[in-house]
């Protein structure tokens, strides 16, 4: 990873951080991710993989993924009566 100069670090702000916390289907259950935009790709092939999403308030965008996952837990699976 390239190092940033001090002037570049001062210019970057909250607006440069990912805006969305997204819960996606993982191999072992829901997994959190941070996305800069809700871009589902060509033909929306990612949409079925997304379980839930939340636009983060500016003051929470710098938080770690693990901290956000504790603050906003994954959605509960729907009980289909089976």
N, C-alpha and C. Protein backbone atom coordinates (compact mmCIF):
# COMPACT_ATOMS: atom_id res chain seq x y z
N UNK A 1 0.84 -1.17 0.00
CA UNK A 1 0.00 0.00 0.00
C UNK A 1 0.89 1.24 0.00
N UNK A 2 0.54 2.23 -0.77
CA UNK A 2 1.32 3.45 -0.86
C UNK A 2 1.12 4.31 0.38
N UNK A 3 2.19 4.97 0.76
CA UNK A 3 2.10 5.87 1.91
C UNK A 3 1.52 7.20 1.46
N UNK A 4 0.74 7.80 2.34
CA UNK A 4 0.19 9.12 2.04
C UNK A 4 1.10 10.19 2.63
N UNK A 5 1.19 11.28 1.92
CA UNK A 5 1.93 12.41 2.48
C UNK A 5 1.06 13.05 3.55
N UNK A 6 1.67 13.78 4.45
CA UNK A 6 0.95 14.43 5.55
C UNK A 6 -0.11 15.37 5.02
N UNK A 7 0.16 16.06 3.92
CA UNK A 7 -0.83 17.00 3.38
C UNK A 7 -2.04 16.24 2.83
N UNK A 8 -1.80 15.06 2.23
CA UNK A 8 -2.91 14.26 1.74
C UNK A 8 -3.77 13.74 2.89
N UNK A 9 -3.13 13.35 3.98
CA UNK A 9 -3.87 12.83 5.13
C UNK A 9 -4.74 13.92 5.74
N UNK A 10 -4.27 15.15 5.72
CA UNK A 10 -5.06 16.25 6.28
C UNK A 10 -6.26 16.58 5.41
N UNK A 11 -6.15 16.37 4.10
CA UNK A 11 -7.25 16.68 3.19
C UNK A 11 -8.35 15.63 3.22
N UNK A 12 -7.99 14.40 3.52
CA UNK A 12 -9.00 13.35 3.54
C UNK A 12 -9.86 13.52 4.78
N UNK A 13 -11.14 13.33 4.60
CA UNK A 13 -12.05 13.50 5.72
C UNK A 13 -13.07 12.40 5.75
N UNK A 14 -14.10 12.65 6.48
CA UNK A 14 -15.17 11.67 6.64
C UNK A 14 -15.81 11.35 5.30
N UNK A 15 -15.87 12.31 4.39
CA UNK A 15 -16.53 12.07 3.11
C UNK A 15 -15.80 11.02 2.27
N UNK A 16 -14.52 10.76 2.56
CA UNK A 16 -13.75 9.77 1.80
C UNK A 16 -13.95 8.35 2.33
N UNK A 17 -14.58 8.20 3.47
CA UNK A 17 -14.76 6.89 4.10
C UNK A 17 -16.00 6.19 3.54
N UNK A 18 -16.02 4.85 3.60
CA UNK A 18 -17.21 4.11 3.16
C UNK A 18 -18.46 4.59 3.90
N UNK A 19 -19.57 4.72 3.17
CA UNK A 19 -20.80 5.28 3.74
C UNK A 19 -21.77 4.24 4.24
N UNK A 20 -21.63 2.99 3.81
CA UNK A 20 -22.65 1.99 4.10
C UNK A 20 -22.07 0.78 4.84
N UNK A 21 -22.80 0.31 5.84
CA UNK A 21 -22.52 -0.98 6.46
C UNK A 21 -23.50 -1.95 5.80
N UNK A 22 -22.94 -3.00 5.20
CA UNK A 22 -23.75 -3.95 4.45
C UNK A 22 -23.53 -5.34 5.03
N UNK A 23 -24.62 -6.03 5.33
CA UNK A 23 -24.55 -7.44 5.76
C UNK A 23 -24.83 -8.30 4.53
N UNK A 24 -23.87 -9.19 4.22
CA UNK A 24 -24.01 -10.07 3.06
C UNK A 24 -24.01 -11.52 3.50
N UNK A 25 -24.52 -12.39 2.64
CA UNK A 25 -24.49 -13.84 2.92
C UNK A 25 -23.05 -14.32 2.81
N UNK A 26 -22.58 -14.95 3.87
CA UNK A 26 -21.25 -15.54 3.87
C UNK A 26 -21.36 -17.05 3.93
N UNK A 27 -20.25 -17.73 3.83
CA UNK A 27 -20.26 -19.19 3.88
C UNK A 27 -20.72 -19.72 5.23
N UNK A 28 -20.44 -18.96 6.29
CA UNK A 28 -20.80 -19.40 7.63
C UNK A 28 -21.81 -18.47 8.29
N UNK A 29 -22.59 -17.78 7.49
CA UNK A 29 -23.59 -16.86 8.03
C UNK A 29 -23.35 -15.44 7.57
N UNK A 30 -24.12 -14.50 8.11
CA UNK A 30 -23.98 -13.10 7.70
C UNK A 30 -22.59 -12.53 8.00
N UNK A 31 -22.07 -11.75 7.05
CA UNK A 31 -20.77 -11.11 7.21
C UNK A 31 -20.92 -9.61 6.94
N UNK A 32 -20.31 -8.77 7.79
CA UNK A 32 -20.39 -7.33 7.57
C UNK A 32 -19.33 -6.86 6.57
N UNK A 33 -19.70 -5.84 5.80
CA UNK A 33 -18.77 -5.19 4.88
C UNK A 33 -19.05 -3.70 4.91
N UNK A 34 -18.05 -2.90 4.54
CA UNK A 34 -18.24 -1.47 4.39
C UNK A 34 -18.14 -1.15 2.90
N UNK A 35 -19.16 -0.45 2.38
CA UNK A 35 -19.20 -0.09 0.97
C UNK A 35 -19.22 1.42 0.84
N UNK A 36 -18.55 1.93 -0.19
CA UNK A 36 -18.56 3.36 -0.48
C UNK A 36 -19.86 3.76 -1.16
N UNK A 37 -20.45 2.84 -1.92
CA UNK A 37 -21.71 3.10 -2.64
C UNK A 37 -22.50 1.81 -2.71
N UNK A 38 -23.80 1.95 -2.86
CA UNK A 38 -24.65 0.76 -3.02
C UNK A 38 -24.66 0.39 -4.50
N UNK A 39 -23.54 -0.16 -4.94
CA UNK A 39 -23.37 -0.56 -6.32
C UNK A 39 -23.52 -2.08 -6.39
N UNK A 40 -24.61 -2.53 -6.98
CA UNK A 40 -24.88 -3.96 -7.02
C UNK A 40 -24.31 -4.64 -8.26
N UNK A 41 -23.58 -3.90 -9.09
CA UNK A 41 -22.94 -4.49 -10.24
C UNK A 41 -23.87 -4.65 -11.43
N UNK A 42 -23.34 -5.24 -12.46
CA UNK A 42 -24.09 -5.43 -13.70
C UNK A 42 -25.19 -6.46 -13.47
N UNK A 43 -26.41 -6.10 -13.79
CA UNK A 43 -27.53 -7.01 -13.66
C UNK A 43 -27.93 -7.28 -12.22
N UNK A 44 -27.45 -6.47 -11.31
CA UNK A 44 -27.79 -6.62 -9.89
C UNK A 44 -27.51 -8.03 -9.37
N UNK A 45 -26.44 -8.68 -9.81
CA UNK A 45 -26.14 -10.05 -9.38
C UNK A 45 -25.81 -10.12 -7.90
N UNK A 46 -25.39 -9.00 -7.30
CA UNK A 46 -25.06 -9.01 -5.87
C UNK A 46 -26.30 -8.84 -4.99
N UNK A 47 -27.38 -8.32 -5.52
CA UNK A 47 -28.55 -8.01 -4.70
C UNK A 47 -29.03 -9.20 -3.86
N UNK A 48 -29.13 -10.42 -4.38
CA UNK A 48 -29.58 -11.53 -3.53
C UNK A 48 -28.61 -11.85 -2.39
N UNK A 49 -27.36 -11.42 -2.51
CA UNK A 49 -26.37 -11.68 -1.46
C UNK A 49 -26.46 -10.69 -0.31
N UNK A 50 -27.12 -9.54 -0.54
CA UNK A 50 -27.23 -8.50 0.49
C UNK A 50 -28.42 -8.81 1.40
N UNK A 51 -28.15 -8.94 2.67
CA UNK A 51 -29.20 -9.22 3.65
C UNK A 51 -29.79 -7.93 4.21
N UNK A 52 -28.94 -6.93 4.43
CA UNK A 52 -29.38 -5.65 4.99
C UNK A 52 -28.29 -4.62 4.76
N UNK A 53 -28.67 -3.35 4.75
CA UNK A 53 -27.68 -2.28 4.65
C UNK A 53 -28.16 -1.08 5.45
N UNK A 54 -27.19 -0.26 5.83
CA UNK A 54 -27.46 0.91 6.65
C UNK A 54 -26.50 2.01 6.23
N UNK A 55 -27.04 3.21 5.96
CA UNK A 55 -26.16 4.35 5.70
C UNK A 55 -25.66 4.85 7.04
N UNK A 56 -24.36 4.90 7.18
CA UNK A 56 -23.74 5.27 8.46
C UNK A 56 -23.74 6.78 8.66
N UNK A 57 -24.03 7.23 9.88
CA UNK A 57 -23.87 8.65 10.18
C UNK A 57 -22.38 9.03 10.04
N UNK A 58 -22.11 10.26 9.70
CA UNK A 58 -20.73 10.68 9.46
C UNK A 58 -19.81 10.38 10.64
N UNK A 59 -20.29 10.52 11.86
CA UNK A 59 -19.43 10.30 13.03
C UNK A 59 -19.09 8.83 13.26
N UNK A 60 -19.78 7.90 12.57
CA UNK A 60 -19.51 6.47 12.74
C UNK A 60 -18.73 5.86 11.58
N UNK A 61 -18.49 6.60 10.53
CA UNK A 61 -17.84 6.05 9.33
C UNK A 61 -16.39 5.65 9.57
N UNK A 62 -15.73 6.22 10.55
CA UNK A 62 -14.33 5.89 10.81
C UNK A 62 -14.19 4.69 11.75
N UNK A 63 -15.30 4.19 12.31
CA UNK A 63 -15.24 3.06 13.24
C UNK A 63 -14.82 1.78 12.51
N UNK A 64 -14.21 0.87 13.25
CA UNK A 64 -13.78 -0.40 12.66
C UNK A 64 -15.00 -1.26 12.31
N UNK A 65 -14.79 -2.18 11.43
CA UNK A 65 -15.87 -3.07 11.00
C UNK A 65 -16.38 -3.91 12.17
N UNK A 66 -15.49 -4.37 13.03
CA UNK A 66 -15.93 -5.18 14.17
C UNK A 66 -16.77 -4.35 15.15
N UNK A 67 -16.42 -3.09 15.33
CA UNK A 67 -17.19 -2.24 16.22
C UNK A 67 -18.58 -1.95 15.63
N UNK A 68 -18.63 -1.72 14.33
CA UNK A 68 -19.93 -1.48 13.68
C UNK A 68 -20.79 -2.74 13.73
N UNK A 69 -20.17 -3.91 13.57
CA UNK A 69 -20.92 -5.16 13.61
C UNK A 69 -21.53 -5.40 14.98
N UNK A 70 -20.83 -4.99 16.03
CA UNK A 70 -21.41 -5.11 17.38
C UNK A 70 -22.52 -4.09 17.60
N UNK A 71 -22.33 -2.91 17.06
CA UNK A 71 -23.33 -1.84 17.23
C UNK A 71 -24.59 -2.13 16.42
N UNK A 72 -24.41 -2.67 15.23
CA UNK A 72 -25.54 -2.98 14.34
C UNK A 72 -25.47 -4.47 13.98
N UNK A 73 -26.02 -5.34 14.81
CA UNK A 73 -25.91 -6.79 14.56
C UNK A 73 -26.63 -7.21 13.27
N UNK A 74 -26.29 -8.40 12.78
CA UNK A 74 -26.90 -8.87 11.54
C UNK A 74 -28.40 -9.11 11.72
N UNK A 75 -29.13 -9.07 10.62
CA UNK A 75 -30.56 -9.34 10.72
C UNK A 75 -30.81 -10.79 11.13
N UNK A 76 -31.88 -10.98 11.85
CA UNK A 76 -32.24 -12.35 12.25
C UNK A 76 -32.85 -13.08 11.06
N UNK A 77 -32.55 -14.37 10.94
CA UNK A 77 -33.18 -15.13 9.84
C UNK A 77 -34.68 -15.22 10.08
N UNK A 78 -35.42 -15.14 8.98
CA UNK A 78 -36.87 -15.23 9.11
C UNK A 78 -37.27 -16.66 9.42
N UNK A 79 -38.20 -16.80 10.33
CA UNK A 79 -38.72 -18.12 10.70
C UNK A 79 -39.86 -18.46 9.74
N UNK A 80 -39.64 -19.46 8.92
CA UNK A 80 -40.67 -19.86 7.94
C UNK A 80 -41.58 -20.95 8.48
N UNK A 81 -41.53 -21.16 9.78
CA UNK A 81 -42.42 -22.14 10.39
C UNK A 81 -41.98 -23.57 10.17
N UNK A 82 -40.74 -23.78 9.76
CA UNK A 82 -40.31 -25.13 9.46
C UNK A 82 -39.24 -25.58 10.28
